[in-house]
Amino acid sequence: MLTMPLETTKCPVCGRKLALQEYVTPGTRLVCTDCESNLYVEARRPLRLKPVPEEATYNANDRPESYG
């Protein structure tokens, strides 16, 4: 069984330890499993995460789902 190498870092918002696969590249967005903050990979060597501003997570083209 092959396993992918993991790199660990901490969430810049809550400090939770996060493990990222080697194939995750700078610019990739992800979500902290603890505080649910939107983050993006700023750099790989050394591994750095940066919070995504909340207003940057909104999409004006999204519509709420209709149940009726």
N, C-alpha and C. Protein backbone atom coordinates (compact mmCIF):
# COMPACT_ATOMS: atom_id res chain seq x y z
N MET A 1 0.84 -1.18 0.00
CA MET A 1 0.00 0.00 0.00
C MET A 1 0.89 1.25 0.00
N LEU A 2 0.62 2.15 -0.93
CA LEU A 2 1.37 3.40 -1.00
C LEU A 2 0.67 4.47 -0.18
N THR A 3 1.45 5.27 0.51
CA THR A 3 0.88 6.38 1.24
C THR A 3 1.52 7.67 0.76
N MET A 4 0.72 8.71 0.69
CA MET A 4 1.21 10.02 0.26
C MET A 4 1.86 10.71 1.46
N PRO A 5 2.99 11.36 1.24
CA PRO A 5 3.61 12.10 2.34
C PRO A 5 2.72 13.26 2.79
N LEU A 6 2.67 13.48 4.10
CA LEU A 6 1.88 14.56 4.66
C LEU A 6 2.80 15.62 5.25
N GLU A 7 2.38 16.86 5.14
CA GLU A 7 3.06 17.96 5.82
C GLU A 7 2.05 18.54 6.80
N THR A 8 2.52 18.94 7.96
CA THR A 8 1.61 19.51 8.95
C THR A 8 1.92 20.98 9.19
N THR A 9 0.88 21.70 9.50
CA THR A 9 0.96 23.11 9.86
C THR A 9 -0.22 23.40 10.77
N LYS A 10 -0.32 24.62 11.25
CA LYS A 10 -1.43 25.00 12.13
C LYS A 10 -2.35 25.98 11.42
N CYS A 11 -3.63 25.89 11.74
CA CYS A 11 -4.60 26.86 11.24
C CYS A 11 -4.24 28.22 11.81
N PRO A 12 -4.13 29.26 10.96
CA PRO A 12 -3.78 30.59 11.47
C PRO A 12 -4.89 31.24 12.29
N VAL A 13 -6.10 30.67 12.26
CA VAL A 13 -7.22 31.24 13.00
C VAL A 13 -7.36 30.60 14.38
N CYS A 14 -7.41 29.25 14.44
CA CYS A 14 -7.67 28.57 15.71
C CYS A 14 -6.48 27.79 16.25
N GLY A 15 -5.45 27.57 15.44
CA GLY A 15 -4.28 26.85 15.91
C GLY A 15 -4.37 25.34 15.77
N ARG A 16 -5.43 24.82 15.19
CA ARG A 16 -5.59 23.37 15.00
C ARG A 16 -4.51 22.85 14.07
N LYS A 17 -3.95 21.69 14.41
CA LYS A 17 -2.94 21.06 13.56
C LYS A 17 -3.63 20.48 12.33
N LEU A 18 -3.14 20.84 11.14
CA LEU A 18 -3.70 20.37 9.88
C LEU A 18 -2.63 19.62 9.10
N ALA A 19 -3.02 18.54 8.46
CA ALA A 19 -2.11 17.76 7.63
C ALA A 19 -2.53 17.91 6.18
N LEU A 20 -1.59 18.26 5.32
CA LEU A 20 -1.87 18.45 3.90
C LEU A 20 -1.07 17.46 3.07
N GLN A 21 -1.71 16.92 2.04
CA GLN A 21 -1.03 16.03 1.11
C GLN A 21 0.01 16.81 0.32
N GLU A 22 0.99 16.12 -0.18
CA GLU A 22 2.08 16.74 -0.93
C GLU A 22 1.59 17.43 -2.21
N TYR A 23 0.50 16.93 -2.81
CA TYR A 23 0.04 17.46 -4.09
C TYR A 23 -0.74 18.77 -3.97
N VAL A 24 -1.03 19.24 -2.75
CA VAL A 24 -1.75 20.51 -2.58
C VAL A 24 -0.79 21.64 -2.93
N THR A 25 -1.20 22.50 -3.87
CA THR A 25 -0.32 23.54 -4.40
C THR A 25 -0.68 24.92 -3.85
N PRO A 26 0.25 25.88 -3.93
CA PRO A 26 -0.06 27.24 -3.51
C PRO A 26 -1.26 27.78 -4.29
N GLY A 27 -2.14 28.49 -3.59
CA GLY A 27 -3.36 29.02 -4.19
C GLY A 27 -4.57 28.14 -3.95
N THR A 28 -4.36 26.91 -3.49
CA THR A 28 -5.46 26.00 -3.20
C THR A 28 -6.23 26.49 -1.99
N ARG A 29 -7.55 26.47 -2.07
CA ARG A 29 -8.39 26.84 -0.94
C ARG A 29 -8.82 25.58 -0.20
N LEU A 30 -8.88 25.70 1.13
CA LEU A 30 -9.35 24.60 1.96
C LEU A 30 -10.06 25.15 3.18
N VAL A 31 -10.66 24.25 3.96
CA VAL A 31 -11.43 24.65 5.13
C VAL A 31 -10.85 23.94 6.35
N CYS A 32 -10.65 24.69 7.45
CA CYS A 32 -10.17 24.10 8.69
C CYS A 32 -11.26 23.17 9.23
N THR A 33 -10.86 21.99 9.67
CA THR A 33 -11.82 21.02 10.18
C THR A 33 -12.38 21.40 11.54
N ASP A 34 -11.72 22.31 12.24
CA ASP A 34 -12.15 22.68 13.58
C ASP A 34 -13.01 23.94 13.58
N CYS A 35 -12.45 25.05 13.08
CA CYS A 35 -13.17 26.34 13.14
C CYS A 35 -13.91 26.67 11.85
N GLU A 36 -13.75 25.85 10.82
CA GLU A 36 -14.41 26.00 9.52
C GLU A 36 -14.03 27.30 8.80
N SER A 37 -12.86 27.85 9.11
CA SER A 37 -12.37 29.03 8.41
C SER A 37 -11.92 28.64 7.01
N ASN A 38 -12.19 29.51 6.05
CA ASN A 38 -11.69 29.32 4.69
C ASN A 38 -10.24 29.77 4.66
N LEU A 39 -9.37 28.91 4.16
CA LEU A 39 -7.93 29.18 4.12
C LEU A 39 -7.42 28.94 2.72
N TYR A 40 -6.27 29.53 2.39
CA TYR A 40 -5.61 29.15 1.16
C TYR A 40 -4.13 28.96 1.42
N VAL A 41 -3.55 28.10 0.61
CA VAL A 41 -2.14 27.77 0.75
C VAL A 41 -1.35 28.92 0.13
N GLU A 42 -0.61 29.63 0.97
CA GLU A 42 0.18 30.76 0.50
C GLU A 42 1.52 30.29 -0.06
N ALA A 43 2.13 29.28 0.56
CA ALA A 43 3.42 28.75 0.11
C ALA A 43 3.56 27.31 0.58
N ARG A 44 4.40 26.54 -0.11
CA ARG A 44 4.64 25.14 0.26
C ARG A 44 5.94 24.95 1.04
N ARG A 45 6.97 25.69 0.74
CA ARG A 45 8.26 25.53 1.41
C ARG A 45 8.72 26.86 1.94
N PRO A 46 8.52 27.18 3.20
CA PRO A 46 7.80 26.42 4.22
C PRO A 46 6.29 26.53 4.01
N LEU A 47 5.57 25.54 4.50
CA LEU A 47 4.12 25.48 4.34
C LEU A 47 3.46 26.60 5.15
N ARG A 48 2.72 27.47 4.45
CA ARG A 48 2.03 28.59 5.09
C ARG A 48 0.59 28.67 4.60
N LEU A 49 -0.33 28.83 5.54
CA LEU A 49 -1.75 29.03 5.23
C LEU A 49 -2.13 30.44 5.62
N LYS A 50 -3.08 31.01 4.87
CA LYS A 50 -3.55 32.36 5.15
C LYS A 50 -5.07 32.34 5.12
N PRO A 51 -5.75 33.03 6.06
CA PRO A 51 -7.21 33.07 6.02
C PRO A 51 -7.71 33.82 4.78
N VAL A 52 -8.81 33.34 4.22
CA VAL A 52 -9.46 34.02 3.09
C VAL A 52 -10.45 35.01 3.70
N PRO A 53 -10.40 36.29 3.31
CA PRO A 53 -11.38 37.25 3.85
C PRO A 53 -12.80 36.77 3.56
N GLU A 54 -13.69 36.95 4.53
CA GLU A 54 -15.06 36.45 4.40
C GLU A 54 -15.75 36.97 3.14
N GLU A 55 -15.53 38.24 2.81
CA GLU A 55 -16.20 38.80 1.62
C GLU A 55 -15.71 38.14 0.33
N ALA A 56 -14.54 37.54 0.35
CA ALA A 56 -14.01 36.87 -0.85
C ALA A 56 -14.63 35.49 -1.04
N THR A 57 -15.40 35.01 -0.06
CA THR A 57 -16.02 33.69 -0.17
C THR A 57 -17.42 33.77 -0.75
N TYR A 58 -17.96 34.97 -0.90
CA TYR A 58 -19.30 35.13 -1.46
C TYR A 58 -19.26 35.09 -2.98
N ASN A 59 -20.27 34.48 -3.57
CA ASN A 59 -20.39 34.43 -5.01
C ASN A 59 -21.73 35.04 -5.39
N ALA A 60 -21.69 36.17 -6.05
CA ALA A 60 -22.92 36.89 -6.40
C ALA A 60 -23.81 36.08 -7.33
N ASN A 61 -23.27 35.10 -8.04
CA ASN A 61 -24.06 34.29 -8.96
C ASN A 61 -24.75 33.11 -8.30
N ASP A 62 -24.42 32.83 -7.04
CA ASP A 62 -25.07 31.73 -6.33
C ASP A 62 -26.50 32.12 -5.99
N ARG A 63 -27.39 31.15 -6.12
CA ARG A 63 -28.78 31.38 -5.75
C ARG A 63 -29.14 30.38 -4.66
N PRO A 64 -29.98 30.80 -3.71
CA PRO A 64 -30.41 29.85 -2.69
C PRO A 64 -31.21 28.71 -3.32
N GLU A 65 -31.08 27.55 -2.75
CA GLU A 65 -31.81 26.39 -3.26
C GLU A 65 -33.30 26.57 -2.96
N SER A 66 -34.14 26.20 -3.91
CA SER A 66 -35.58 26.33 -3.74
C SER A 66 -36.17 24.99 -3.33
N TYR A 67 -37.04 25.02 -2.34
CA TYR A 67 -37.69 23.79 -1.87
C TYR A 67 -39.16 23.75 -2.26
N GLY A 68 -39.61 24.69 -3.07
CA GLY A 68 -41.03 24.74 -3.32
C GLY A 68 -41.37 24.49 -4.70
